[in-house]
Amino acid sequence: MANDTDVLIAGGGLVGSVLALALAAGGKSIVLIEAQSRAAFAASGFDGRSYALSPASRRLLDSLGVWADLTENDQVQPIREIKVSDGSPGKGASPCHIHFDRNDLDDGPLGFMVEDRHLRRTLLRRLESDDRVSVSPETRVTDHQVHPAGVEVELSDGRIFRATLLAGCDGRNSRIAEQSGIRRIGWDYTQSSLVCSVSHDRPHDGIAHQFFTPAGPLAILPLRGKRSSIVWTEAQDEAIRIQGLGDAGYLDCLRPVFGRFLGDIALAGDRFIYPLGLSIAERFVSDRVVLVGDSAHGIHPLAGQGLNISLKDVGALAEILQDAARRGEDIGTPFTLDRYQMARRFDASVFGAATDTINRLFSNPHPALRSLRRLGLATVNGMPDLKRQFVRVAAGYGWAVPRSMRDDPW
């Protein structure tokens, strides 16, 4: 019995959408299953969510034609500098800090900020114009059965598809992983991130700030115009309390942590809260099943690397499946999929361990440890070669980089 499609993707969010475009560019036929309605995915209103994309992620999106659409519509804010500092609420940043600028990277800006609404709508337009991709909104994968030559997937609307490979892009609570018997390892941080965007009186000059407080990190990331995206981590109970306040009360709590270096601030868009934890799937693959993005790994957001690591999954999987098909291999066999797991699980685990260590180190208010942290930041800031290595890893050029994301494609 012939398969209906090469790859069925469960989860049509940002990662699932980029994966669909990347696999279609390699000649695969794709069915993309998404629980949201088309109208929800195409909504044009600014809801406050934004993403920091690395130069390597930009290269992947550029190879798919997505980046040109974003830049032509003036929807990208370059990150020209990054300042990392320790401090306490109400006392401002420590004079001991790390300052990264474009001299630390030979590939232009250190990163790029893109609003969620712009990225979603651009991806949707690309998907709908690609005749190798069939998008099925307002549906879910309810079950799947693996057969020797494919996987049979049952949808919530009763339809059944046969595919060579099933890709789970359905988030940390992945139903695909659960159905495949893949467990997760990790722990809760008893922290939550408060996410919003603010407008401010003064220009940000394209500078991103990572400010560590005893409760957790605060990221202030530049958006187009006099606006910034905020990722503000607090102890879980305190974060829930703050999220439950009205806008005025919320800003009263944010202002002492944010400071006044950009003038007064006001909310721009909705507010969100996300409980934090470290979570890595024990396996990224199973019989004719592969996990991509948050379905495979979830890390602390302090380095802004969550989406970038997920896009490295996409680049690696697309490259591996294209090479396998070129050699006449079955793209759904363990022989093929194990190469993806070898390429991605170590990288994701290293980033998870690094963010876990940094969060624990900088969320400790002990005075002696704070002094050591500040000394460490100042020391690294005085070592240009080490700073450049840090920047290259954050830019996505560290190790196991897919061809479509390399600064040197050879």
Protein backbone atom coordinates (compact mmCIF):
# COMPACT_ATOMS: atom_id res chain seq x y z
CA MET A 1 0.00 0.00 0.00
CA ALA A 2 1.53 3.32 -1.09
CA ASN A 3 2.12 6.07 1.44
CA ASP A 4 0.10 9.28 1.13
CA THR A 5 3.07 11.53 1.89
CA ASP A 6 6.77 11.38 2.68
CA VAL A 7 6.62 13.15 6.05
CA LEU A 8 3.67 13.97 8.28
CA ILE A 9 4.48 16.73 10.77
CA ALA A 10 2.46 16.90 14.00
CA GLY A 11 2.50 20.51 15.17
CA GLY A 12 2.44 23.43 12.80
CA GLY A 13 3.92 26.12 15.02
CA LEU A 14 7.11 27.95 14.11
CA VAL A 15 9.36 24.88 14.24
CA GLY A 16 6.92 22.60 12.42
CA SER A 17 6.36 25.23 9.75
CA VAL A 18 10.08 25.79 9.11
CA LEU A 19 10.62 22.03 9.05
CA ALA A 20 7.86 21.65 6.44
CA LEU A 21 9.49 24.28 4.21
CA ALA A 22 12.99 22.80 4.67
CA LEU A 23 11.89 19.25 3.84
CA ALA A 24 9.80 20.45 0.89
CA ALA A 25 12.85 22.33 -0.42
CA GLY A 26 14.62 18.96 -0.43
CA GLY A 27 11.89 17.45 -2.59
CA LYS A 28 9.74 15.79 0.09
CA SER A 29 5.93 15.83 0.13
CA ILE A 30 4.61 17.09 3.47
CA VAL A 31 1.35 16.99 5.42
CA LEU A 32 1.40 19.55 8.24
CA ILE A 33 -1.09 19.06 11.09
CA GLU A 34 -1.82 22.09 13.31
CA ALA A 35 -4.34 22.46 16.15
CA GLN A 36 -4.73 26.23 15.67
CA SER A 37 -7.05 27.73 13.10
CA ARG A 38 -5.62 29.49 10.09
CA ALA A 39 -7.07 32.78 11.36
CA ALA A 40 -5.25 32.41 14.70
CA PHE A 41 -1.95 31.65 12.98
CA ALA A 42 -2.35 34.58 10.58
CA ALA A 43 -3.42 37.14 13.23
CA SER A 44 -1.73 40.48 12.58
CA GLY A 45 -2.11 42.11 16.01
CA PHE A 46 1.00 42.51 18.15
CA ASP A 47 0.65 40.29 21.22
CA GLY A 48 4.04 41.05 22.81
CA ARG A 49 5.88 37.86 21.82
CA SER A 50 9.19 38.08 19.96
CA TYR A 51 12.22 35.91 19.22
CA ALA A 52 15.98 36.43 19.24
CA LEU A 53 17.35 34.68 16.16
CA SER A 54 21.02 33.82 15.79
CA PRO A 55 23.02 34.51 12.60
CA ALA A 56 22.96 30.73 11.92
CA SER A 57 19.15 30.72 12.17
CA ARG A 58 19.04 33.67 9.80
CA ARG A 59 21.00 31.65 7.24
CA LEU A 60 18.49 28.79 7.44
CA LEU A 61 15.51 31.13 7.02
CA ASP A 62 17.33 32.91 4.20
CA SER A 63 17.83 29.61 2.35
CA LEU A 64 14.04 29.07 2.50
CA GLY A 65 13.16 32.57 1.23
CA VAL A 66 11.66 33.58 4.58
CA TRP A 67 14.32 36.10 5.59
CA ALA A 68 13.98 38.18 2.44
CA ASP A 69 10.25 38.58 3.11
CA LEU A 70 10.93 39.76 6.67
CA THR A 71 13.64 42.26 5.74
CA GLU A 72 11.79 43.64 2.72
CA ASN A 73 8.89 44.46 5.02
CA ASP A 74 11.20 46.09 7.61
CA GLN A 75 10.28 43.52 10.28
CA VAL A 76 13.75 42.74 11.66
CA GLN A 77 15.66 44.56 14.40
CA PRO A 78 19.42 43.79 14.41
CA ILE A 79 21.11 43.23 17.76
CA ARG A 80 24.29 45.30 17.49
CA GLU A 81 25.57 44.93 21.05
CA ILE A 82 24.93 42.70 24.08
CA LYS A 83 25.64 43.72 27.67
CA VAL A 84 25.66 41.05 30.40
CA SER A 85 25.79 42.21 34.02
CA ASP A 86 25.06 41.16 37.60
CA GLY A 87 23.12 43.30 40.03
CA SER A 88 20.25 43.75 42.45
CA PRO A 89 16.77 45.27 41.99
CA GLY A 90 16.85 49.01 42.56
CA LYS A 91 20.65 49.18 42.51
CA GLY A 92 21.28 48.91 38.78
CA ALA A 93 23.89 46.88 36.97
CA SER A 94 27.28 46.07 38.39
CA PRO A 95 30.21 47.95 36.78
CA CYS A 96 31.72 44.48 36.21
CA HIS A 97 30.11 43.18 33.04
CA ILE A 98 30.68 41.61 29.62
CA HIS A 99 30.16 43.76 26.55
CA PHE A 100 29.85 42.09 23.16
CA ASP A 101 29.69 44.07 19.93
CA ARG A 102 29.95 43.34 16.20
CA ASN A 103 33.74 43.33 16.42
CA ASP A 104 33.39 40.02 18.28
CA LEU A 105 31.71 38.41 15.26
CA ASP A 106 32.72 38.71 11.60
CA ASP A 107 29.20 37.92 10.35
CA GLY A 108 27.44 41.24 10.91
CA PRO A 109 24.97 41.77 13.81
CA LEU A 110 25.12 39.50 16.85
CA GLY A 111 21.51 38.47 16.34
CA PHE A 112 18.10 39.62 15.16
CA MET A 113 14.78 40.28 16.89
CA VAL A 114 11.60 39.32 15.03
CA GLU A 115 8.06 39.63 16.36
CA ASP A 116 6.04 36.42 16.54
CA ARG A 117 3.22 37.81 14.38
CA HIS A 118 5.57 38.70 11.50
CA LEU A 119 7.34 35.35 11.53
CA ARG A 120 4.08 33.38 11.73
CA ARG A 121 2.44 35.22 8.86
CA THR A 122 5.52 35.01 6.65
CA LEU A 123 5.78 31.25 7.23
CA LEU A 124 2.08 30.80 6.49
CA ARG A 125 2.39 32.61 3.17
CA ARG A 126 5.35 30.43 2.22
CA LEU A 127 3.54 27.24 3.21
CA GLU A 128 0.42 28.11 1.24
CA SER A 129 2.45 28.88 -1.89
CA ASP A 130 4.38 25.57 -1.79
CA ASP A 131 2.52 22.83 -3.65
CA ARG A 132 4.57 20.13 -1.87
CA VAL A 133 3.03 21.09 1.49
CA SER A 134 -0.56 20.35 2.54
CA VAL A 135 -1.61 22.22 5.71
CA SER A 136 -4.44 20.83 7.84
CA PRO A 137 -5.50 23.35 10.52
CA GLU A 138 -7.72 22.67 13.55
CA THR A 139 -6.72 19.01 13.73
CA ARG A 140 -4.50 16.86 15.96
CA VAL A 141 -2.76 13.54 15.73
CA THR A 142 -4.66 11.19 18.04
CA ASP A 143 -2.78 7.96 17.38
CA HIS A 144 -0.20 6.35 15.13
CA GLN A 145 0.79 2.79 14.25
CA VAL A 146 4.18 1.83 12.81
CA HIS A 147 4.36 -0.63 9.90
CA PRO A 148 7.41 -2.01 8.06
CA ALA A 149 7.13 0.45 5.18
CA GLY A 150 5.56 3.44 6.92
CA VAL A 151 3.53 4.87 9.76
CA GLU A 152 -0.27 5.12 9.83
CA VAL A 153 -1.48 8.30 11.51
CA GLU A 154 -5.01 8.91 12.77
CA LEU A 155 -6.28 12.50 13.06
CA SER A 156 -8.89 14.01 15.36
CA ASP A 157 -11.26 14.53 12.40
CA GLY A 158 -11.19 10.81 11.60
CA ARG A 159 -8.87 10.93 8.60
CA ILE A 160 -5.99 8.48 8.33
CA PHE A 161 -2.70 9.17 6.55
CA ARG A 162 0.18 6.87 5.74
CA ALA A 163 3.63 8.45 5.74
CA THR A 164 7.21 7.28 5.50
CA LEU A 165 8.09 9.32 8.60
CA LEU A 166 6.21 11.05 11.43
CA ALA A 167 7.85 14.18 12.88
CA GLY A 168 6.74 15.32 16.34
CA CYS A 169 6.84 19.11 16.65
CA ASP A 170 4.08 19.24 19.25
CA GLY A 171 5.89 20.77 22.21
CA ARG A 172 7.24 19.69 25.60
CA ASN A 173 4.15 17.62 26.37
CA SER A 174 4.50 15.85 23.04
CA ARG A 175 1.75 13.35 22.36
CA ILE A 176 3.92 11.82 19.64
CA ALA A 177 6.73 11.15 22.14
CA GLU A 178 4.28 9.69 24.65
CA GLN A 179 2.71 7.39 22.06
CA SER A 180 6.21 6.27 21.03
CA GLY A 181 7.18 5.39 24.60
CA ILE A 182 9.84 8.12 24.79
CA ARG A 183 10.31 9.46 28.32
CA ARG A 184 11.84 12.78 29.36
CA ILE A 185 14.43 13.60 31.98
CA GLY A 186 14.75 16.94 33.74
CA TRP A 187 13.50 19.03 36.61
CA ASP A 188 11.45 22.06 37.56
CA TYR A 189 13.24 25.32 38.41
CA THR A 190 10.44 26.68 40.64
CA GLN A 191 10.80 29.79 38.48
CA SER A 192 8.54 31.31 35.85
CA SER A 193 9.29 33.77 33.07
CA LEU A 194 7.08 36.81 32.66
CA VAL A 195 7.11 37.76 28.99
CA CYS A 196 5.88 41.03 27.53
CA SER A 197 6.95 43.99 25.41
CA VAL A 198 7.30 47.60 26.49
CA SER A 199 7.62 50.96 24.82
CA HIS A 200 10.13 53.45 26.25
CA ASP A 201 11.11 57.09 25.92
CA ARG A 202 14.68 56.66 24.69
CA PRO A 203 16.11 54.69 21.76
CA HIS A 204 17.72 51.33 22.59
CA ASP A 205 20.36 51.67 19.82
CA GLY A 206 20.05 47.96 19.04
CA ILE A 207 21.57 46.95 22.40
CA ALA A 208 20.37 43.79 24.18
CA HIS A 209 20.78 43.51 27.95
CA GLN A 210 21.01 40.35 30.05
CA PHE A 211 20.72 41.43 33.66
CA PHE A 212 21.04 38.85 36.46
CA THR A 213 19.16 39.33 39.73
CA PRO A 214 18.94 36.96 42.73
CA ALA A 215 15.45 35.87 41.62
CA GLY A 216 16.54 35.11 38.07
CA PRO A 217 17.66 36.79 34.82
CA LEU A 218 16.00 39.73 33.09
CA ALA A 219 16.49 40.04 29.33
CA ILE A 220 15.76 43.36 27.61
CA LEU A 221 15.83 42.80 23.86
CA PRO A 222 15.48 45.56 21.22
CA LEU A 223 12.50 45.65 18.86
CA ARG A 224 11.75 47.99 15.96
CA GLY A 225 11.20 51.56 17.15
CA LYS A 226 11.36 52.54 20.80
CA ARG A 227 10.20 49.15 22.04
CA SER A 228 11.83 46.19 23.76
CA SER A 229 10.90 42.59 24.45
CA ILE A 230 11.10 41.53 28.10
CA VAL A 231 11.83 38.04 29.47
CA TRP A 232 11.71 38.49 33.24
CA THR A 233 12.33 35.52 35.52
CA GLU A 234 11.04 35.40 39.09
CA ALA A 235 10.38 32.75 41.72
CA GLN A 236 7.24 30.89 40.66
CA ASP A 237 4.89 32.14 43.39
CA GLU A 238 6.03 35.74 42.93
CA ALA A 239 5.71 35.49 39.15
CA ILE A 240 2.13 34.21 39.48
CA ARG A 241 1.33 37.07 41.88
CA ILE A 242 2.77 39.69 39.50
CA GLN A 243 1.01 38.21 36.48
CA GLY A 244 -2.30 38.45 38.38
CA LEU A 245 -1.93 42.21 38.90
CA GLY A 246 -3.44 44.83 36.64
CA ASP A 247 -1.20 46.58 34.12
CA ALA A 248 -0.35 49.43 36.49
CA GLY A 249 0.64 47.07 39.31
CA TYR A 250 2.62 44.91 36.89
CA LEU A 251 4.63 47.94 35.73
CA ASP A 252 5.20 49.03 39.32
CA CYS A 253 6.93 45.68 39.90
CA LEU A 254 8.86 45.77 36.61
CA ARG A 255 10.22 49.33 36.80
CA PRO A 256 12.63 48.78 39.76
CA VAL A 257 14.12 45.74 38.00
CA PHE A 258 14.19 47.35 34.56
CA GLY A 259 15.67 50.67 35.68
CA ARG A 260 15.32 54.06 33.98
CA PHE A 261 18.15 53.94 31.45
CA LEU A 262 15.58 53.97 28.61
CA GLY A 263 13.26 56.45 30.34
CA ASP A 264 9.76 55.57 31.44
CA ILE A 265 8.17 52.37 30.14
CA ALA A 266 4.64 51.30 29.20
CA LEU A 267 3.22 47.93 28.23
CA ALA A 268 2.92 47.21 24.50
CA GLY A 269 0.89 44.07 23.84
CA ASP A 270 -0.26 41.17 26.01
CA ARG A 271 1.49 39.61 29.00
CA PHE A 272 2.46 35.93 29.26
CA ILE A 273 3.81 33.62 31.95
CA TYR A 274 5.73 30.37 31.39
CA PRO A 275 6.86 27.94 34.13
CA LEU A 276 10.50 26.99 33.67
CA GLY A 277 12.28 23.68 33.76
CA LEU A 278 14.91 21.59 32.02
CA SER A 279 13.54 18.74 29.94
CA ILE A 280 15.39 16.46 27.49
CA ALA A 281 13.87 13.45 25.74
CA GLU A 282 15.74 10.23 26.47
CA ARG A 283 15.66 9.54 22.73
CA PHE A 284 15.01 11.87 19.80
CA VAL A 285 13.94 9.02 17.50
CA SER A 286 11.83 5.89 17.48
CA ASP A 287 10.51 3.56 14.77
CA ARG A 288 9.65 5.93 11.89
CA VAL A 289 9.27 8.77 14.42
CA VAL A 290 11.54 11.76 15.01
CA LEU A 291 11.23 14.53 17.62
CA VAL A 292 12.12 18.12 16.70
CA GLY A 293 12.22 21.31 18.78
CA ASP A 294 10.56 21.46 22.19
CA SER A 295 9.25 17.92 21.69
CA ALA A 296 12.88 16.82 22.05
CA HIS A 297 14.28 19.42 24.47
CA GLY A 298 13.32 22.39 26.60
CA ILE A 299 15.94 24.63 28.24
CA HIS A 300 16.03 27.77 30.38
CA PRO A 301 15.41 30.90 28.26
CA LEU A 302 18.22 32.98 29.79
CA ALA A 303 20.46 32.77 26.71
CA GLY A 304 17.57 33.17 24.24
CA GLN A 305 18.64 29.96 22.51
CA GLY A 306 15.44 27.88 22.64
CA LEU A 307 14.17 28.58 19.12
CA ASN A 308 17.71 28.66 17.69
CA ILE A 309 18.46 25.15 19.00
CA SER A 310 15.16 23.98 17.53
CA LEU A 311 16.07 25.46 14.14
CA LYS A 312 19.37 23.58 14.29
CA ASP A 313 17.24 20.44 14.68
CA VAL A 314 15.40 21.45 11.51
CA GLY A 315 18.59 22.13 9.56
CA ALA A 316 20.19 18.86 10.67
CA LEU A 317 17.12 16.71 9.94
CA ALA A 318 16.57 18.27 6.51
CA GLU A 319 20.23 17.71 5.61
CA ILE A 320 20.28 14.10 6.85
CA LEU A 321 17.04 13.13 5.09
CA GLN A 322 18.11 14.78 1.84
CA ASP A 323 21.46 12.96 1.89
CA ALA A 324 19.73 9.67 2.70
CA ALA A 325 17.24 10.06 -0.15
CA ARG A 326 20.07 10.90 -2.55
CA ARG A 327 21.68 7.58 -1.63
CA GLY A 328 18.41 5.72 -2.10
CA GLU A 329 17.93 5.01 1.63
CA ASP A 330 14.58 4.74 3.41
CA ILE A 331 14.28 8.01 5.37
CA GLY A 332 12.27 6.39 8.18
CA THR A 333 14.63 3.61 9.23
CA PRO A 334 16.75 3.61 12.42
CA PHE A 335 19.87 3.58 10.22
CA THR A 336 18.89 7.03 8.90
CA LEU A 337 17.27 8.54 11.99
CA ASP A 338 20.10 7.59 14.35
CA ARG A 339 22.33 10.02 12.44
CA TYR A 340 19.92 12.81 13.42
CA GLN A 341 20.00 11.74 17.06
CA MET A 342 23.81 11.66 17.05
CA ALA A 343 23.92 15.12 15.49
CA ARG A 344 21.43 16.80 17.80
CA ARG A 345 21.05 15.15 21.21
CA PHE A 346 24.57 15.97 22.42
CA ASP A 347 24.33 19.59 21.26
CA ALA A 348 20.93 20.12 22.91
CA SER A 349 22.09 18.45 26.12
CA VAL A 350 25.21 20.65 26.30
CA PHE A 351 23.13 23.81 25.94
CA GLY A 352 20.68 22.51 28.52
CA ALA A 353 23.47 21.82 31.01
CA ALA A 354 25.12 25.20 30.33
CA THR A 355 21.94 27.22 30.88
CA ASP A 356 21.14 25.15 33.98
CA THR A 357 24.57 25.87 35.47
CA ILE A 358 24.46 29.59 34.65
CA ASN A 359 20.97 29.94 36.10
CA ARG A 360 21.95 28.23 39.35
CA LEU A 361 25.17 30.22 39.63
CA PHE A 362 23.62 33.64 39.02
CA SER A 363 20.38 33.07 40.94
CA ASN A 364 22.29 32.63 44.21
CA PRO A 365 22.30 35.84 46.32
CA HIS A 366 25.29 34.86 48.53
CA PRO A 367 27.62 37.94 48.74
CA ALA A 368 30.84 35.96 48.25
CA LEU A 369 29.45 34.19 45.20
CA ARG A 370 28.22 37.50 43.80
CA SER A 371 31.73 38.94 44.11
CA LEU A 372 33.18 35.93 42.29
CA ARG A 373 30.57 36.26 39.53
CA ARG A 374 31.39 39.90 38.97
CA LEU A 375 35.10 39.17 38.92
CA GLY A 376 34.46 36.41 36.37
CA LEU A 377 32.42 38.72 34.12
CA ALA A 378 35.12 41.40 34.24
CA THR A 379 37.84 38.83 33.52
CA VAL A 380 36.07 37.43 30.46
CA ASN A 381 35.39 40.96 29.22
CA GLY A 382 39.14 41.57 29.17
CA MET A 383 39.87 38.47 27.05
CA PRO A 384 38.92 39.23 23.41
CA ASP A 385 39.68 35.77 22.05
CA LEU A 386 37.49 34.08 24.67
CA LYS A 387 34.70 36.58 24.05
CA ARG A 388 34.79 35.77 20.34
CA GLN A 389 34.45 32.06 21.12
CA PHE A 390 31.40 32.74 23.30
CA VAL A 391 29.85 34.85 20.55
CA ARG A 392 30.44 32.20 17.88
CA VAL A 393 28.69 29.55 19.99
CA ALA A 394 25.77 31.91 20.71
CA ALA A 395 25.61 32.78 17.00
CA GLY A 396 25.03 29.10 16.22
CA TYR A 397 28.50 28.36 14.82
CA GLY A 398 29.78 26.23 17.69
CA TRP A 399 29.70 22.58 16.59
CA ALA A 400 27.61 20.14 14.55
CA VAL A 401 26.30 23.00 12.41
CA PRO A 402 24.14 21.96 9.42
CA ARG A 403 25.35 23.10 5.99
CA SER A 404 22.44 25.50 5.54
CA MET A 405 23.40 27.35 8.75
CA ARG A 406 27.20 27.61 8.47
CA ASP A 407 29.10 30.85 8.04
CA ASP A 408 31.46 28.79 5.85
CA PRO A 409 29.16 26.48 3.81
CA TRP A 410 32.09 24.22 2.91
